[in-house]
Amino acid sequence: MFENDERFKAVERARDQEDLYESYIVELERKEKEKAAEERKQNIAEYRKFLESCDFIKVSLVKGMCEQPVAESSRYRLEDDERCLRLEKLDRLLIFQDYIRDLEKEEEEQKKIQKV
């Protein structure tokens, strides 16, 4: 990688060359981590938008899932979507739970408004 770089060849001491190489690797790893973190953040946002666009996801549906499995229904196969596949299972679960909590809050607010 560096053997043909004139700047690298200009450094005479082997130890200095090693230091330059190590610095380069550290910077490269930092950039890769930043890129991965940004991609993860974007994937989370896209998955959340996807969940919001699924009008069949309701609080009552999720409560019903506890009583009767609905995984057989292709309509409920969220994990088949590419936005879902970009995330780890734990991330998907946490985002889904957060979304359901938001739906529950919204449902409670609607009930309060209707009582008034």
N, C-alpha and C. Protein backbone atom coordinates (compact mmCIF):
# COMPACT_ATOMS: atom_id res chain seq x y z
N MET A 1 0.83 -1.19 0.00
CA MET A 1 0.00 0.00 0.00
C MET A 1 0.88 1.25 0.00
N PHE A 2 1.85 1.31 0.89
CA PHE A 2 2.70 2.50 1.00
C PHE A 2 4.03 2.35 0.26
N GLU A 3 4.35 1.13 -0.15
CA GLU A 3 5.68 0.91 -0.72
C GLU A 3 5.96 1.73 -1.97
N ASN A 4 4.92 2.14 -2.68
CA ASN A 4 5.12 2.95 -3.89
C ASN A 4 4.87 4.43 -3.66
N ASP A 5 4.54 4.82 -2.45
CA ASP A 5 4.27 6.22 -2.13
C ASP A 5 5.59 6.93 -1.83
N GLU A 6 5.88 7.96 -2.62
CA GLU A 6 7.14 8.71 -2.46
C GLU A 6 7.25 9.38 -1.10
N ARG A 7 6.12 9.84 -0.57
CA ARG A 7 6.15 10.50 0.75
C ARG A 7 6.57 9.50 1.82
N PHE A 8 6.09 8.29 1.70
CA PHE A 8 6.41 7.25 2.68
C PHE A 8 7.89 6.85 2.55
N LYS A 9 8.34 6.75 1.32
CA LYS A 9 9.75 6.40 1.09
C LYS A 9 10.70 7.48 1.61
N ALA A 10 10.24 8.72 1.62
CA ALA A 10 11.08 9.82 2.07
C ALA A 10 11.37 9.75 3.57
N VAL A 11 10.55 9.04 4.32
CA VAL A 11 10.78 8.87 5.75
C VAL A 11 11.86 7.79 5.90
N GLU A 12 12.97 8.16 6.51
CA GLU A 12 14.12 7.27 6.52
C GLU A 12 14.05 6.19 7.60
N ARG A 13 13.66 6.56 8.79
CA ARG A 13 13.68 5.58 9.88
C ARG A 13 12.47 4.64 9.79
N ALA A 14 12.75 3.37 9.98
CA ALA A 14 11.70 2.35 9.93
C ALA A 14 10.66 2.60 11.01
N ARG A 15 11.10 3.02 12.18
CA ARG A 15 10.17 3.29 13.29
C ARG A 15 9.20 4.42 12.93
N ASP A 16 9.71 5.45 12.25
CA ASP A 16 8.85 6.56 11.83
C ASP A 16 7.85 6.09 10.77
N GLN A 17 8.29 5.20 9.89
CA GLN A 17 7.38 4.64 8.90
C GLN A 17 6.28 3.83 9.57
N GLU A 18 6.67 3.05 10.59
CA GLU A 18 5.68 2.26 11.34
C GLU A 18 4.68 3.17 12.03
N ASP A 19 5.18 4.26 12.61
CA ASP A 19 4.29 5.22 13.27
C ASP A 19 3.29 5.83 12.29
N LEU A 20 3.78 6.19 11.11
CA LEU A 20 2.90 6.75 10.08
C LEU A 20 1.84 5.73 9.67
N TYR A 21 2.28 4.50 9.49
CA TYR A 21 1.34 3.44 9.10
C TYR A 21 0.29 3.23 10.19
N GLU A 22 0.72 3.15 11.44
CA GLU A 22 -0.22 2.97 12.56
C GLU A 22 -1.21 4.13 12.64
N SER A 23 -0.73 5.33 12.46
CA SER A 23 -1.61 6.51 12.49
C SER A 23 -2.65 6.43 11.37
N TYR A 24 -2.19 6.00 10.21
CA TYR A 24 -3.10 5.85 9.07
C TYR A 24 -4.18 4.82 9.37
N ILE A 25 -3.79 3.69 9.94
CA ILE A 25 -4.74 2.61 10.25
C ILE A 25 -5.74 3.09 11.30
N VAL A 26 -5.27 3.76 12.33
CA VAL A 26 -6.16 4.26 13.37
C VAL A 26 -7.18 5.24 12.78
N GLU A 27 -6.72 6.13 11.93
CA GLU A 27 -7.62 7.10 11.29
C GLU A 27 -8.62 6.39 10.38
N LEU A 28 -8.15 5.41 9.65
CA LEU A 28 -9.02 4.64 8.76
C LEU A 28 -10.10 3.92 9.57
N GLU A 29 -9.74 3.31 10.67
CA GLU A 29 -10.70 2.61 11.52
C GLU A 29 -11.72 3.58 12.12
N ARG A 30 -11.24 4.76 12.53
CA ARG A 30 -12.14 5.77 13.08
C ARG A 30 -13.17 6.20 12.04
N LYS A 31 -12.72 6.43 10.82
CA LYS A 31 -13.63 6.83 9.74
C LYS A 31 -14.64 5.72 9.44
N GLU A 32 -14.18 4.47 9.45
CA GLU A 32 -15.09 3.35 9.19
C GLU A 32 -16.15 3.24 10.28
N LYS A 33 -15.74 3.45 11.53
CA LYS A 33 -16.70 3.40 12.64
C LYS A 33 -17.72 4.52 12.54
N GLU A 34 -17.24 5.71 12.18
CA GLU A 34 -18.16 6.84 12.02
C GLU A 34 -19.16 6.57 10.89
N LYS A 35 -18.66 6.01 9.80
CA LYS A 35 -19.53 5.70 8.66
C LYS A 35 -20.56 4.65 9.06
N ALA A 36 -20.12 3.62 9.77
CA ALA A 36 -21.04 2.56 10.20
C ALA A 36 -22.09 3.11 11.16
N ALA A 37 -21.68 4.00 12.07
CA ALA A 37 -22.62 4.60 13.01
C ALA A 37 -23.65 5.45 12.27
N GLU A 38 -23.20 6.19 11.28
CA GLU A 38 -24.12 7.03 10.50
C GLU A 38 -25.09 6.16 9.70
N GLU A 39 -24.58 5.09 9.11
CA GLU A 39 -25.46 4.17 8.36
C GLU A 39 -26.48 3.53 9.28
N ARG A 40 -26.06 3.14 10.47
CA ARG A 40 -26.98 2.53 11.43
C ARG A 40 -28.07 3.52 11.82
N LYS A 41 -27.67 4.76 12.07
CA LYS A 41 -28.63 5.80 12.42
C LYS A 41 -29.65 6.00 11.29
N GLN A 42 -29.16 6.02 10.07
CA GLN A 42 -30.04 6.18 8.91
C GLN A 42 -30.95 4.97 8.76
N ASN A 43 -30.42 3.77 8.95
CA ASN A 43 -31.22 2.55 8.84
C ASN A 43 -32.32 2.51 9.90
N ILE A 44 -32.00 2.97 11.10
CA ILE A 44 -33.00 3.02 12.17
C ILE A 44 -34.12 3.98 11.79
N ALA A 45 -33.75 5.15 11.28
CA ALA A 45 -34.77 6.13 10.88
C ALA A 45 -35.65 5.59 9.75
N GLU A 46 -35.03 4.92 8.78
CA GLU A 46 -35.80 4.35 7.67
C GLU A 46 -36.74 3.25 8.15
N TYR A 47 -36.27 2.43 9.09
CA TYR A 47 -37.11 1.35 9.60
C TYR A 47 -38.29 1.92 10.38
N ARG A 48 -38.04 2.96 11.15
CA ARG A 48 -39.12 3.60 11.91
C ARG A 48 -40.18 4.17 10.95
N LYS A 49 -39.72 4.82 9.88
CA LYS A 49 -40.66 5.35 8.88
C LYS A 49 -41.44 4.22 8.23
N PHE A 50 -40.76 3.12 7.98
CA PHE A 50 -41.43 1.95 7.40
C PHE A 50 -42.53 1.46 8.33
N LEU A 51 -42.22 1.33 9.62
CA LEU A 51 -43.24 0.89 10.58
C LEU A 51 -44.43 1.84 10.59
N GLU A 52 -44.15 3.14 10.56
CA GLU A 52 -45.21 4.14 10.56
C GLU A 52 -46.07 4.04 9.30
N SER A 53 -45.48 3.57 8.20
CA SER A 53 -46.25 3.45 6.96
C SER A 53 -47.10 2.18 6.92
N CYS A 54 -46.86 1.26 7.82
CA CYS A 54 -47.62 0.00 7.86
C CYS A 54 -48.91 0.24 8.64
N ASP A 55 -49.97 0.54 7.93
CA ASP A 55 -51.22 0.88 8.60
C ASP A 55 -51.87 -0.29 9.32
N PHE A 56 -51.38 -1.51 9.08
CA PHE A 56 -51.95 -2.66 9.78
C PHE A 56 -51.36 -2.86 11.17
N ILE A 57 -50.32 -2.11 11.52
CA ILE A 57 -49.73 -2.24 12.86
C ILE A 57 -50.55 -1.37 13.81
N LYS A 58 -51.21 -2.03 14.70
CA LYS A 58 -52.04 -1.36 15.71
C LYS A 58 -51.71 -1.95 17.07
N VAL A 59 -52.01 -1.21 18.10
CA VAL A 59 -51.78 -1.70 19.46
C VAL A 59 -52.57 -2.98 19.68
N SER A 60 -53.80 -3.01 19.19
CA SER A 60 -54.64 -4.20 19.37
C SER A 60 -54.03 -5.42 18.67
N LEU A 61 -53.38 -5.20 17.54
CA LEU A 61 -52.72 -6.30 16.83
C LEU A 61 -51.61 -6.89 17.68
N VAL A 62 -50.80 -6.02 18.26
CA VAL A 62 -49.67 -6.48 19.06
C VAL A 62 -50.15 -7.23 20.29
N LYS A 63 -51.20 -6.70 20.92
CA LYS A 63 -51.76 -7.41 22.07
C LYS A 63 -52.31 -8.76 21.64
N GLY A 64 -52.91 -8.83 20.47
CA GLY A 64 -53.43 -10.08 19.95
C GLY A 64 -52.34 -11.07 19.61
N MET A 65 -51.17 -10.59 19.26
CA MET A 65 -50.06 -11.48 18.93
C MET A 65 -49.65 -12.31 20.14
N CYS A 66 -49.86 -11.76 21.33
CA CYS A 66 -49.52 -12.50 22.54
C CYS A 66 -50.46 -13.67 22.74
N GLU A 67 -51.69 -13.49 22.30
CA GLU A 67 -52.69 -14.54 22.47
C GLU A 67 -52.66 -15.57 21.35
N GLN A 68 -52.38 -15.12 20.16
CA GLN A 68 -52.46 -16.01 19.00
C GLN A 68 -51.37 -15.60 18.02
N PRO A 69 -50.50 -16.54 17.63
CA PRO A 69 -49.43 -16.18 16.70
C PRO A 69 -49.97 -15.80 15.33
N VAL A 70 -49.43 -14.72 14.79
CA VAL A 70 -49.85 -14.27 13.46
C VAL A 70 -48.69 -14.30 12.49
N ALA A 71 -47.59 -14.91 12.87
CA ALA A 71 -46.40 -14.93 12.03
C ALA A 71 -46.63 -15.65 10.70
N GLU A 72 -47.61 -16.55 10.66
CA GLU A 72 -47.87 -17.29 9.43
C GLU A 72 -48.41 -16.38 8.34
N SER A 73 -49.07 -15.34 8.72
CA SER A 73 -49.66 -14.43 7.76
C SER A 73 -48.57 -13.60 7.08
N SER A 74 -48.51 -13.64 5.75
CA SER A 74 -47.47 -12.91 5.03
C SER A 74 -47.60 -11.41 5.25
N ARG A 75 -48.79 -10.96 5.59
CA ARG A 75 -49.03 -9.55 5.81
C ARG A 75 -48.23 -9.04 7.00
N TYR A 76 -47.90 -9.91 7.93
CA TYR A 76 -47.19 -9.51 9.14
C TYR A 76 -45.70 -9.83 9.09
N ARG A 77 -45.17 -10.15 7.93
CA ARG A 77 -43.77 -10.53 7.79
C ARG A 77 -42.91 -9.28 7.57
N LEU A 78 -42.78 -8.49 8.59
CA LEU A 78 -42.00 -7.26 8.50
C LEU A 78 -40.54 -7.55 8.22
N GLU A 79 -40.04 -8.67 8.74
CA GLU A 79 -38.62 -8.97 8.58
C GLU A 79 -38.21 -9.27 7.15
N ASP A 80 -39.16 -9.41 6.24
CA ASP A 80 -38.84 -9.65 4.84
C ASP A 80 -38.48 -8.35 4.10
N ASP A 81 -38.78 -7.23 4.69
CA ASP A 81 -38.48 -5.95 4.06
C ASP A 81 -37.00 -5.65 4.16
N GLU A 82 -36.43 -5.08 3.11
CA GLU A 82 -34.99 -4.80 3.08
C GLU A 82 -34.57 -3.82 4.18
N ARG A 83 -35.44 -2.88 4.53
CA ARG A 83 -35.11 -1.93 5.61
C ARG A 83 -34.95 -2.66 6.93
N CYS A 84 -35.67 -3.72 7.08
CA CYS A 84 -35.59 -4.53 8.28
C CYS A 84 -34.30 -5.36 8.28
N LEU A 85 -33.95 -5.87 7.13
CA LEU A 85 -32.78 -6.75 7.01
C LEU A 85 -31.46 -6.02 7.27
N ARG A 86 -31.47 -4.70 7.15
CA ARG A 86 -30.24 -3.92 7.38
C ARG A 86 -29.89 -3.78 8.85
N LEU A 87 -30.84 -4.16 9.73
CA LEU A 87 -30.63 -3.98 11.16
C LEU A 87 -30.52 -5.32 11.88
N GLU A 88 -29.84 -5.29 13.01
CA GLU A 88 -29.76 -6.47 13.86
C GLU A 88 -31.14 -6.72 14.48
N LYS A 89 -31.40 -7.97 14.85
CA LYS A 89 -32.70 -8.32 15.44
C LYS A 89 -33.00 -7.49 16.67
N LEU A 90 -32.02 -7.29 17.52
CA LEU A 90 -32.24 -6.53 18.75
C LEU A 90 -32.63 -5.09 18.42
N ASP A 91 -31.95 -4.48 17.46
CA ASP A 91 -32.30 -3.12 17.06
C ASP A 91 -33.73 -3.06 16.55
N ARG A 92 -34.11 -4.05 15.72
CA ARG A 92 -35.48 -4.08 15.18
C ARG A 92 -36.49 -4.20 16.31
N LEU A 93 -36.20 -5.06 17.25
CA LEU A 93 -37.12 -5.25 18.37
C LEU A 93 -37.27 -3.97 19.18
N LEU A 94 -36.15 -3.31 19.48
CA LEU A 94 -36.21 -2.08 20.27
C LEU A 94 -36.97 -0.98 19.54
N ILE A 95 -36.75 -0.85 18.26
CA ILE A 95 -37.45 0.16 17.47
C ILE A 95 -38.94 -0.16 17.42
N PHE A 96 -39.28 -1.42 17.22
CA PHE A 96 -40.68 -1.83 17.18
C PHE A 96 -41.36 -1.57 18.52
N GLN A 97 -40.69 -1.92 19.62
CA GLN A 97 -41.26 -1.68 20.95
C GLN A 97 -41.47 -0.18 21.18
N ASP A 98 -40.51 0.60 20.78
CA ASP A 98 -40.62 2.05 20.93
C ASP A 98 -41.80 2.58 20.11
N TYR A 99 -41.96 2.08 18.91
CA TYR A 99 -43.06 2.49 18.06
C TYR A 99 -44.40 2.10 18.68
N ILE A 100 -44.51 0.91 19.23
CA ILE A 100 -45.75 0.45 19.86
C ILE A 100 -46.06 1.31 21.09
N ARG A 101 -45.04 1.65 21.86
CA ARG A 101 -45.26 2.54 23.02
C ARG A 101 -45.82 3.89 22.55
N ASP A 102 -45.27 4.40 21.46
CA ASP A 102 -45.78 5.66 20.92
C ASP A 102 -47.23 5.52 20.47
N LEU A 103 -47.55 4.39 19.84
CA LEU A 103 -48.94 4.15 19.44
C LEU A 103 -49.86 4.08 20.65
N GLU A 104 -49.39 3.42 21.71
CA GLU A 104 -50.20 3.32 22.94
C GLU A 104 -50.45 4.70 23.53
N LYS A 105 -49.42 5.54 23.57
CA LYS A 105 -49.58 6.90 24.09
C LYS A 105 -50.58 7.68 23.25
N GLU A 106 -50.45 7.54 21.95
CA GLU A 106 -51.36 8.24 21.04
C GLU A 106 -52.80 7.76 21.25
N GLU A 107 -52.97 6.46 21.43
CA GLU A 107 -54.29 5.88 21.66
C GLU A 107 -54.88 6.41 22.98
N GLU A 108 -54.06 6.48 24.01
CA GLU A 108 -54.51 7.00 25.30
C GLU A 108 -54.92 8.46 25.19
N GLU A 109 -54.15 9.25 24.45
CA GLU A 109 -54.49 10.66 24.25
C GLU A 109 -55.81 10.80 23.51
N GLN A 110 -56.04 9.95 22.53
CA GLN A 110 -57.30 9.99 21.79
C GLN A 110 -58.48 9.64 22.69
N LYS A 111 -58.27 8.68 23.58
CA LYS A 111 -59.34 8.30 24.53
C LYS A 111 -59.66 9.46 25.46
N LYS A 112 -58.63 10.17 25.93
CA LYS A 112 -58.84 11.31 26.82
C LYS A 112 -59.61 12.41 26.12
N ILE A 113 -59.24 12.64 24.86
CA ILE A 113 -59.91 13.69 24.08
C ILE A 113 -61.39 13.33 23.87
N GLN A 114 -61.67 12.07 23.62
CA GLN A 114 -63.03 11.63 23.38
C GLN A 114 -63.88 11.73 24.65
N LYS A 115 -63.27 11.57 25.82
CA LYS A 115 -64.01 11.66 27.07
C LYS A 115 -64.42 13.10 27.39
N VAL A 116 -63.64 14.04 26.89
CA VAL A 116 -63.91 15.44 27.18
C VAL A 116 -64.97 15.99 26.33
